[in-house]
Amino acid sequence: MRCVQLSSEGGRHLCRVESLATRRTIEIEARTV
């Protein structure tokens, strides 16, 4: 999988991740990147 977009807001990070096999995406919220 690969990270296609990364943004930060209010001390948290939001990353959009895409599967290279299916092209479906998932959102990951993280305290630290």
Full PDB file with SEQRES, HELIX, SHEET, SSBOND, CRYST1, ORIGX, SCALE, CONECT and MASTER records, all heavy atoms in Angstrom:
SEQRES   1 A   33  MET ARG CYS VAL GLN LEU SER SER GLU GLY GLY ARG HIS          
SEQRES   2 A   33  LEU CYS ARG VAL GLU SER LEU ALA THR ARG ARG THR ILE          
SEQRES   3 A   33  GLU ILE GLU ALA ARG THR VAL                                  
SHEET    1 AA1 3 ARG A   2  GLU A   9  0                                        
SHEET    2 AA1 3 ARG A  12  GLU A  18 -1                                        
SHEET    3 AA1 3 THR A  25  ALA A  30 -1                                        
CRYST1    1.000    1.000    1.000  90.00  90.00  90.00 P 1           1          
ORIGX1      1.000000  0.000000  0.000000        0.00000                         
ORIGX2      0.000000  1.000000  0.000000        0.00000                         
ORIGX3      0.000000  0.000000  1.000000        0.00000                         
SCALE1      1.000000  0.000000  0.000000        0.00000                         
SCALE2      0.000000  1.000000  0.000000        0.00000                         
SCALE3      0.000000  0.000000  1.000000        0.00000                         
ATOM      1  N   MET A   1       0.845  -1.187   0.000  1.00  0.00           N  
ATOM      2  CA  MET A   1       0.000   0.000   0.000  1.00  0.00           C  
ATOM      3  C   MET A   1       0.885   1.243   0.000  1.00  0.00           C  
ATOM      4  O   MET A   1       2.073   1.163   0.306  1.00  0.00           O  
ATOM      5  CB  MET A   1      -0.941  -0.003   1.205  1.00  0.00           C  
ATOM      6  CG  MET A   1      -1.846  -1.232   1.287  1.00  0.00           C  
ATOM      7  SD  MET A   1      -3.023  -1.190   2.660  1.00  0.00           S  
ATOM      8  CE  MET A   1      -4.146   0.096   2.107  1.00  0.00           C  
ATOM      9  N   ARG A   2       0.275   2.372  -0.342  1.00  0.00           N  
ATOM     10  CA  ARG A   2       1.041   3.619  -0.350  1.00  0.00           C  
ATOM     11  C   ARG A   2       0.211   4.754   0.204  1.00  0.00           C  
ATOM     12  O   ARG A   2      -1.024   4.764   0.096  1.00  0.00           O  
ATOM     13  CB  ARG A   2       1.501   3.963  -1.768  1.00  0.00           C  
ATOM     14  CG  ARG A   2       0.375   4.305  -2.730  1.00  0.00           C  
ATOM     15  CD  ARG A   2       0.880   4.518  -4.152  1.00  0.00           C  
ATOM     16  NE  ARG A   2      -0.202   4.901  -5.051  1.00  0.00           N  
ATOM     17  CZ  ARG A   2      -0.272   6.070  -5.692  1.00  0.00           C  
ATOM     18  NH1 ARG A   2       0.674   6.974  -5.528  1.00  0.00           N  
ATOM     19  NH2 ARG A   2      -1.279   6.341  -6.503  1.00  0.00           N  
ATOM     20  N   CYS A   3       0.904   5.714   0.819  1.00  0.00           N  
ATOM     21  CA  CYS A   3       0.254   6.922   1.320  1.00  0.00           C  
ATOM     22  C   CYS A   3       0.151   7.922   0.172  1.00  0.00           C  
ATOM     23  O   CYS A   3       1.161   8.261  -0.454  1.00  0.00           O  
ATOM     24  CB  CYS A   3       1.053   7.532   2.462  1.00  0.00           C  
ATOM     25  SG  CYS A   3       1.131   6.505   3.935  1.00  0.00           S  
ATOM     26  N   VAL A   4      -1.040   8.375  -0.113  1.00  0.00           N  
ATOM     27  CA  VAL A   4      -1.240   9.279  -1.243  1.00  0.00           C  
ATOM     28  C   VAL A   4      -1.541  10.704  -0.809  1.00  0.00           C  
ATOM     29  O   VAL A   4      -1.448  11.632  -1.608  1.00  0.00           O  
ATOM     30  CB  VAL A   4      -2.369   8.764  -2.158  1.00  0.00           C  
ATOM     31  CG1 VAL A   4      -1.962   7.449  -2.803  1.00  0.00           C  
ATOM     32  CG2 VAL A   4      -3.680   8.590  -1.390  1.00  0.00           C  
ATOM     33  N   GLN A   5      -1.912  10.889   0.468  1.00  0.00           N  
ATOM     34  CA  GLN A   5      -2.192  12.242   0.949  1.00  0.00           C  
ATOM     35  C   GLN A   5      -1.992  12.278   2.452  1.00  0.00           C  
ATOM     36  O   GLN A   5      -2.365  11.344   3.169  1.00  0.00           O  
ATOM     37  CB  GLN A   5      -3.628  12.644   0.611  1.00  0.00           C  
ATOM     38  CG  GLN A   5      -3.952  14.097   0.937  1.00  0.00           C  
ATOM     39  CD  GLN A   5      -5.356  14.478   0.492  1.00  0.00           C  
ATOM     40  OE1 GLN A   5      -6.176  13.619   0.204  1.00  0.00           O  
ATOM     41  NE2 GLN A   5      -5.625  15.773   0.421  1.00  0.00           N  
ATOM     42  N   LEU A   6      -1.399  13.356   2.929  1.00  0.00           N  
ATOM     43  CA  LEU A   6      -1.133  13.506   4.358  1.00  0.00           C  
ATOM     44  C   LEU A   6      -1.404  14.939   4.770  1.00  0.00           C  
ATOM     45  O   LEU A   6      -0.902  15.872   4.144  1.00  0.00           O  
ATOM     46  CB  LEU A   6       0.324  13.124   4.669  1.00  0.00           C  
ATOM     47  CG  LEU A   6       0.769  13.193   6.129  1.00  0.00           C  
ATOM     48  CD1 LEU A   6      -0.004  12.182   6.973  1.00  0.00           C  
ATOM     49  CD2 LEU A   6       2.264  12.923   6.235  1.00  0.00           C  
ATOM     50  N   SER A   7      -2.205  15.113   5.812  1.00  0.00           N  
ATOM     51  CA  SER A   7      -2.514  16.454   6.316  1.00  0.00           C  
ATOM     52  C   SER A   7      -2.482  16.427   7.837  1.00  0.00           C  
ATOM     53  O   SER A   7      -2.569  15.369   8.467  1.00  0.00           O  
ATOM     54  CB  SER A   7      -3.884  16.919   5.823  1.00  0.00           C  
ATOM     55  OG  SER A   7      -4.907  16.031   6.261  1.00  0.00           O  
ATOM     56  N   SER A   8      -2.379  17.605   8.431  1.00  0.00           N  
ATOM     57  CA  SER A   8      -2.326  17.726   9.889  1.00  0.00           C  
ATOM     58  C   SER A   8      -3.340  18.748  10.354  1.00  0.00           C  
ATOM     59  O   SER A   8      -3.560  19.775   9.698  1.00  0.00           O  
ATOM     60  CB  SER A   8      -0.919  18.145  10.341  1.00  0.00           C  
ATOM     61  OG  SER A   8       0.049  17.217   9.914  1.00  0.00           O  
ATOM     62  N   GLU A   9      -3.949  18.465  11.513  1.00  0.00           N  
ATOM     63  CA  GLU A   9      -4.924  19.391  12.072  1.00  0.00           C  
ATOM     64  C   GLU A   9      -5.047  19.125  13.564  1.00  0.00           C  
ATOM     65  O   GLU A   9      -5.237  17.987  13.997  1.00  0.00           O  
ATOM     66  CB  GLU A   9      -6.288  19.211  11.409  1.00  0.00           C  
ATOM     67  CG  GLU A   9      -7.338  20.215  11.885  1.00  0.00           C  
ATOM     68  CD  GLU A   9      -8.662  20.086  11.164  1.00  0.00           C  
ATOM     69  OE1 GLU A   9      -8.713  19.336  10.160  1.00  0.00           O  
ATOM     70  OE2 GLU A   9      -9.636  20.721  11.593  1.00  0.00           O  
ATOM     71  N   GLY A  10      -4.884  20.184  14.346  1.00  0.00           N  
ATOM     72  CA  GLY A  10      -5.077  20.065  15.782  1.00  0.00           C  
ATOM     73  C   GLY A  10      -4.155  19.071  16.464  1.00  0.00           C  
ATOM     74  O   GLY A  10      -4.546  18.390  17.408  1.00  0.00           O  
ATOM     75  N   GLY A  11      -2.916  18.976  15.987  1.00  0.00           N  
ATOM     76  CA  GLY A  11      -1.980  18.070  16.617  1.00  0.00           C  
ATOM     77  C   GLY A  11      -2.128  16.622  16.188  1.00  0.00           C  
ATOM     78  O   GLY A  11      -1.440  15.748  16.716  1.00  0.00           O  
ATOM     79  N   ARG A  12      -3.035  16.329  15.270  1.00  0.00           N  
ATOM     80  CA  ARG A  12      -3.215  14.972  14.745  1.00  0.00           C  
ATOM     81  C   ARG A  12      -2.936  14.966  13.244  1.00  0.00           C  
ATOM     82  O   ARG A  12      -3.029  15.991  12.570  1.00  0.00           O  
ATOM     83  CB  ARG A  12      -4.640  14.460  15.001  1.00  0.00           C  
ATOM     84  CG  ARG A  12      -5.082  14.505  16.448  1.00  0.00           C  
ATOM     85  CD  ARG A  12      -4.427  13.442  17.276  1.00  0.00           C  
ATOM     86  NE  ARG A  12      -4.934  12.116  16.982  1.00  0.00           N  
ATOM     87  CZ  ARG A  12      -4.612  11.028  17.676  1.00  0.00           C  
ATOM     88  NH1 ARG A  12      -3.754  11.113  18.672  1.00  0.00           N  
ATOM     89  NH2 ARG A  12      -5.113   9.849  17.352  1.00  0.00           N  
ATOM     90  N   HIS A  13      -2.600  13.807  12.736  1.00  0.00           N  
ATOM     91  CA  HIS A  13      -2.313  13.643  11.315  1.00  0.00           C  
ATOM     92  C   HIS A  13      -3.364  12.735  10.693  1.00  0.00           C  
ATOM     93  O   HIS A  13      -3.794  11.750  11.295  1.00  0.00           O  
ATOM     94  CB  HIS A  13      -0.931  13.025  11.107  1.00  0.00           C  
ATOM     95  CG  HIS A  13       0.190  13.807  11.721  1.00  0.00           C  
ATOM     96  ND1 HIS A  13       0.805  14.853  11.071  1.00  0.00           N  
ATOM     97  CD2 HIS A  13       0.793  13.708  12.925  1.00  0.00           C  
ATOM     98  CE1 HIS A  13       1.751  15.353  11.845  1.00  0.00           C  
ATOM     99  NE2 HIS A  13       1.765  14.669  12.979  1.00  0.00           N  
ATOM    100  N   LEU A  14      -3.755  13.064   9.478  1.00  0.00           N  
ATOM    101  CA  LEU A  14      -4.701  12.247   8.728  1.00  0.00           C  
ATOM    102  C   LEU A  14      -4.042  11.848   7.406  1.00  0.00           C  
ATOM    103  O   LEU A  14      -3.623  12.711   6.638  1.00  0.00           O  
ATOM    104  CB  LEU A  14      -6.005  12.992   8.469  1.00  0.00           C  
ATOM    105  CG  LEU A  14      -7.144  12.165   7.865  1.00  0.00           C  
ATOM    106  CD1 LEU A  14      -7.573  11.054   8.821  1.00  0.00           C  
ATOM    107  CD2 LEU A  14      -8.330  13.054   7.525  1.00  0.00           C  
ATOM    108  N   CYS A  15      -3.973  10.547   7.169  1.00  0.00           N  
ATOM    109  CA  CYS A  15      -3.314  10.033   5.979  1.00  0.00           C  
ATOM    110  C   CYS A  15      -4.283   9.179   5.179  1.00  0.00           C  
ATOM    111  O   CYS A  15      -4.979   8.320   5.749  1.00  0.00           O  
ATOM    112  CB  CYS A  15      -2.090   9.197   6.371  1.00  0.00           C  
ATOM    113  SG  CYS A  15      -1.138   8.564   4.973  1.00  0.00           S  
ATOM    114  N   ARG A  16      -4.333   9.401   3.885  1.00  0.00           N  
ATOM    115  CA  ARG A  16      -5.129   8.552   3.007  1.00  0.00           C  
ATOM    116  C   ARG A  16      -4.193   7.547   2.347  1.00  0.00           C  
ATOM    117  O   ARG A  16      -3.200   7.904   1.730  1.00  0.00           O  
ATOM    118  CB  ARG A  16      -5.865   9.390   1.954  1.00  0.00           C  
ATOM    119  CG  ARG A  16      -6.809   8.559   1.072  1.00  0.00           C  
ATOM    120  CD  ARG A  16      -7.843   9.453   0.401  1.00  0.00           C  
ATOM    121  NE  ARG A  16      -7.213  10.445  -0.441  1.00  0.00           N  
ATOM    122  CZ  ARG A  16      -6.910  10.262  -1.731  1.00  0.00           C  
ATOM    123  NH1 ARG A  16      -7.165   9.098  -2.319  1.00  0.00           N  
ATOM    124  NH2 ARG A  16      -6.362  11.224  -2.432  1.00  0.00           N  
ATOM    125  N   VAL A  17      -4.544   6.270   2.503  1.00  0.00           N  
ATOM    126  CA  VAL A  17      -3.704   5.164   2.049  1.00  0.00           C  
ATOM    127  C   VAL A  17      -4.447   4.390   0.974  1.00  0.00           C  
ATOM    128  O   VAL A  17      -5.645   4.121   1.094  1.00  0.00           O  
ATOM    129  CB  VAL A  17      -3.344   4.242   3.229  1.00  0.00           C  
ATOM    130  CG1 VAL A  17      -2.555   3.033   2.758  1.00  0.00           C  
ATOM    131  CG2 VAL A  17      -2.561   5.011   4.283  1.00  0.00           C  
ATOM    132  N   GLU A  18      -3.717   4.027  -0.077  1.00  0.00           N  
ATOM    133  CA  GLU A  18      -4.321   3.315  -1.204  1.00  0.00           C  
ATOM    134  C   GLU A  18      -3.684   1.937  -1.365  1.00  0.00           C  
ATOM    135  O   GLU A  18      -2.461   1.783  -1.331  1.00  0.00           O  
ATOM    136  CB  GLU A  18      -4.120   4.118  -2.488  1.00  0.00           C  
ATOM    137  CG  GLU A  18      -4.703   3.465  -3.738  1.00  0.00           C  
ATOM    138  CD  GLU A  18      -4.399   4.253  -4.992  1.00  0.00           C  
ATOM    139  OE1 GLU A  18      -3.209   4.364  -5.353  1.00  0.00           O  
ATOM    140  OE2 GLU A  18      -5.349   4.774  -5.603  1.00  0.00           O  
ATOM    141  N   SER A  19      -4.540   0.925  -1.556  1.00  0.00           N  
ATOM    142  CA  SER A  19      -4.055  -0.416  -1.860  1.00  0.00           C  
ATOM    143  C   SER A  19      -3.576  -0.471  -3.299  1.00  0.00           C  
ATOM    144  O   SER A  19      -4.284  -0.072  -4.221  1.00  0.00           O  
ATOM    145  CB  SER A  19      -5.175  -1.443  -1.650  1.00  0.00           C  
ATOM    146  OG  SER A  19      -4.836  -2.685  -2.242  1.00  0.00           O  
ATOM    147  N   LEU A  20      -2.365  -0.978  -3.500  1.00  0.00           N  
ATOM    148  CA  LEU A  20      -1.843  -1.099  -4.856  1.00  0.00           C  
ATOM    149  C   LEU A  20      -2.460  -2.279  -5.593  1.00  0.00           C  
ATOM    150  O   LEU A  20      -2.339  -2.382  -6.813  1.00  0.00           O  
ATOM    151  CB  LEU A  20      -0.318  -1.252  -4.809  1.00  0.00           C  
ATOM    152  CG  LEU A  20       0.436  -0.045  -4.242  1.00  0.00           C  
ATOM    153  CD1 LEU A  20       1.936  -0.288  -4.258  1.00  0.00           C  
ATOM    154  CD2 LEU A  20       0.108   1.217  -5.012  1.00  0.00           C  
ATOM    155  N   ALA A  21      -3.130  -3.159  -4.859  1.00  0.00           N  
ATOM    156  CA  ALA A  21      -3.768  -4.314  -5.498  1.00  0.00           C  
ATOM    157  C   ALA A  21      -5.196  -4.008  -5.930  1.00  0.00           C  
ATOM    158  O   ALA A  21      -5.620  -4.406  -7.015  1.00  0.00           O  
ATOM    159  CB  ALA A  21      -3.763  -5.508  -4.540  1.00  0.00           C  
ATOM    160  N   THR A  22      -5.949  -3.274  -5.087  1.00  0.00           N  
ATOM    161  CA  THR A  22      -7.369  -3.060  -5.370  1.00  0.00           C  
ATOM    162  C   THR A  22      -7.728  -1.614  -5.657  1.00  0.00           C  
ATOM    163  O   THR A  22      -8.838  -1.335  -6.110  1.00  0.00           O  
ATOM    164  CB  THR A  22      -8.203  -3.530  -4.170  1.00  0.00           C  
ATOM    165  OG1 THR A  22      -7.928  -2.674  -3.037  1.00  0.00           O  
ATOM    166  CG2 THR A  22      -7.884  -4.974  -3.802  1.00  0.00           C  
ATOM    167  N   ARG A  23      -6.797  -0.664  -5.340  1.00  0.00           N  
ATOM    168  CA  ARG A  23      -7.019   0.781  -5.490  1.00  0.00           C  
ATOM    169  C   ARG A  23      -8.053   1.318  -4.503  1.00  0.00           C  
ATOM    170  O   ARG A  23      -8.435   2.492  -4.596  1.00  0.00           O  
ATOM    171  CB  ARG A  23      -7.441   1.152  -6.925  1.00  0.00           C  
ATOM    172  CG  ARG A  23      -6.411   0.775  -7.978  1.00  0.00           C  
ATOM    173  CD  ARG A  23      -5.073   1.421  -7.703  1.00  0.00           C  
ATOM    174  NE  ARG A  23      -4.063   1.008  -8.655  1.00  0.00           N  
ATOM    175  CZ  ARG A  23      -2.770   1.326  -8.572  1.00  0.00           C  
ATOM    176  NH1 ARG A  23      -2.346   2.054  -7.565  1.00  0.00           N  
ATOM    177  NH2 ARG A  23      -1.915   0.907  -9.469  1.00  0.00           N  
ATOM    178  N   ARG A  24      -8.508   0.502  -3.573  1.00  0.00           N  
ATOM    179  CA  ARG A  24      -9.373   1.020  -2.518  1.00  0.00           C  
ATOM    180  C   ARG A  24      -8.539   1.826  -1.533  1.00  0.00           C  
ATOM    181  O   ARG A  24      -7.331   1.638  -1.407  1.00  0.00           O  
ATOM    182  CB  ARG A  24     -10.086  -0.125  -1.795  1.00  0.00           C  
ATOM    183  CG  ARG A  24     -11.093  -0.855  -2.666  1.00  0.00           C  
ATOM    184  CD  ARG A  24     -11.850  -1.887  -1.854  1.00  0.00           C  
ATOM    185  NE  ARG A  24     -12.573  -1.276  -0.748  1.00  0.00           N  
ATOM    186  CZ  ARG A  24     -13.154  -1.979   0.231  1.00  0.00           C  
ATOM    187  NH1 ARG A  24     -13.063  -3.303   0.226  1.00  0.00           N  
ATOM    188  NH2 ARG A  24     -13.806  -1.374   1.197  1.00  0.00           N  
ATOM    189  N   THR A  25      -9.182   2.737  -0.817  1.00  0.00           N  
ATOM    190  CA  THR A  25      -8.459   3.619   0.091  1.00  0.00           C  
ATOM    191  C   THR A  25      -8.972   3.480   1.519  1.00  0.00           C  
ATOM    192  O   THR A  25     -10.088   3.010   1.759  1.00  0.00           O  
ATOM    193  CB  THR A  25      -8.579   5.089  -0.344  1.00  0.00           C  
ATOM    194  OG1 THR A  25      -9.960   5.479  -0.311  1.00  0.00           O  
ATOM    195  CG2 THR A  25      -8.011   5.288  -1.741  1.00  0.00           C  
ATOM    196  N   ILE A  26      -8.140   3.902   2.443  1.00  0.00           N  
ATOM    197  CA  ILE A  26      -8.499   3.919   3.855  1.00  0.00           C  
ATOM    198  C   ILE A  26      -7.898   5.171   4.476  1.00  0.00           C  
ATOM    199  O   ILE A  26      -6.837   5.645   4.059  1.00  0.00           O  
ATOM    200  CB  ILE A  26      -7.985   2.642   4.569  1.00  0.00           C  
ATOM    201  CG1 ILE A  26      -8.508   2.593   6.006  1.00  0.00           C  
ATOM    202  CG2 ILE A  26      -6.480   2.564   4.545  1.00  0.00           C  
ATOM    203  CD1 ILE A  26      -8.213   1.279   6.700  1.00  0.00           C  
ATOM    204  N   GLU A  27      -8.584   5.728   5.465  1.00  0.00           N  
ATOM    205  CA  GLU A  27      -8.092   6.892   6.186  1.00  0.00           C  
ATOM    206  C   GLU A  27      -7.464   6.431   7.501  1.00  0.00           C  
ATOM    207  O   GLU A  27      -8.046   5.634   8.233  1.00  0.00           O  
ATOM    208  CB  GLU A  27      -9.228   7.872   6.481  1.00  0.00           C  
ATOM    209  CG  GLU A  27      -9.943   8.410   5.250  1.00  0.00           C  
ATOM    210  CD  GLU A  27      -9.096   9.385   4.461  1.00  0.00           C  
ATOM    211  OE1 GLU A  27      -8.161   9.967   5.050  1.00  0.00           O  
ATOM    212  OE2 GLU A  27      -9.369   9.576   3.259  1.00  0.00           O  
ATOM    213  N   ILE A  28      -6.279   6.937   7.791  1.00  0.00           N  
ATOM    214  CA  ILE A  28      -5.586   6.604   9.032  1.00  0.00           C  
ATOM    215  C   ILE A  28      -5.336   7.890   9.805  1.00  0.00           C  
ATOM    216  O   ILE A  28      -4.715   8.826   9.297  1.00  0.00           O  
ATOM    217  CB  ILE A  28      -4.250   5.891   8.763  1.00  0.00           C  
ATOM    218  CG1 ILE A  28      -4.467   4.609   7.957  1.00  0.00           C  
ATOM    219  CG2 ILE A  28      -3.535   5.576  10.075  1.00  0.00           C  
ATOM    220  CD1 ILE A  28      -3.189   3.896   7.592  1.00  0.00           C  
ATOM    221  N   GLU A  29      -5.836   7.935  11.039  1.00  0.00           N  
ATOM    222  CA  GLU A  29      -5.571   9.061  11.926  1.00  0.00           C  
ATOM    223  C   GLU A  29      -4.457   8.664  12.877  1.00  0.00           C  
ATOM    224  O   GLU A  29      -4.519   7.598  13.497  1.00  0.00           O  
ATOM    225  CB  GLU A  29      -6.821   9.441  12.717  1.00  0.00           C  
ATOM    226  CG  GLU A  29      -6.617  10.660  13.598  1.00  0.00           C  
ATOM    227  CD  GLU A  29      -7.840  10.976  14.447  1.00  0.00           C  
ATOM    228  OE1 GLU A  29      -8.779  10.167  14.467  1.00  0.00           O  
ATOM    229  OE2 GLU A  29      -7.841  12.041  15.099  1.00  0.00           O  
ATOM    230  N   ALA A  30      -3.432   9.493  12.989  1.00  0.00           N  
ATOM    231  CA  ALA A  30      -2.269   9.138  13.797  1.00  0.00           C  
ATOM    232  C   ALA A  30      -1.835  10.313  14.659  1.00  0.00           C  
ATOM    233  O   ALA A  30      -1.888  11.471  14.236  1.00  0.00           O  
ATOM    234  CB  ALA A  30      -1.112   8.693  12.907  1.00  0.00           C  
ATOM    235  N   ARG A  31      -1.393   9.982  15.853  1.00  0.00           N  
ATOM    236  CA  ARG A  31      -0.851  10.994  16.739  1.00  0.00           C  
ATOM    237  C   ARG A  31       0.530  11.447  16.268  1.00  0.00           C  
ATOM    238  O   ARG A  31       0.874  12.623  16.338  1.00  0.00           O  
ATOM    239  CB  ARG A  31      -0.769  10.411  18.150  1.00  0.00           C  
ATOM    240  CG  ARG A  31      -0.332  11.369  19.225  1.00  0.00           C  
ATOM    241  CD  ARG A  31      -0.133  10.604  20.524  1.00  0.00           C  
ATOM    242  NE  ARG A  31       0.121  11.475  21.648  1.00  0.00           N  
ATOM    243  CZ  ARG A  31       0.685  11.080  22.785  1.00  0.00           C  
ATOM    244  NH1 ARG A  31       1.035   9.817  22.923  1.00  0.00           N  
ATOM    245  NH2 ARG A  31       0.881  11.931  23.774  1.00  0.00           N  
ATOM    246  N   THR A  32       1.321  10.496  15.794  1.00  0.00           N  
ATOM    247  CA  THR A  32       2.691  10.760  15.349  1.00  0.00           C  
ATOM    248  C   THR A  32       2.916  10.087  14.008  1.00  0.00           C  
ATOM    249  O   THR A  32       2.468   8.957  13.796  1.00  0.00           O  
ATOM    250  CB  THR A  32       3.711  10.211  16.373  1.00  0.00           C  
ATOM    251  OG1 THR A  32       3.493  10.842  17.641  1.00  0.00           O  
ATOM    252  CG2 THR A  32       5.141  10.447  15.915  1.00  0.00           C  
ATOM    253  N   VAL A  33       3.610  10.772  13.100  1.00  0.00           N  
ATOM    254  CA  VAL A  33       3.948  10.196  11.802  1.00  0.00           C  
ATOM    255  C   VAL A  33       5.468  10.148  11.669  1.00  0.00           C  
ATOM    256  O   VAL A  33       6.162  11.123  11.960  1.00  0.00           O  
ATOM    257  CB  VAL A  33       3.348  11.011  10.642  1.00  0.00           C  
ATOM    258  CG1 VAL A  33       3.859  10.498   9.299  1.00  0.00           C  
ATOM    259  CG2 VAL A  33       1.828  10.944  10.680  1.00  0.00           C  
TER     260      VAL A  33                                                      
MASTER        0    0    0    0    3    0    0    6  259    1    0    3          
END                                                                             
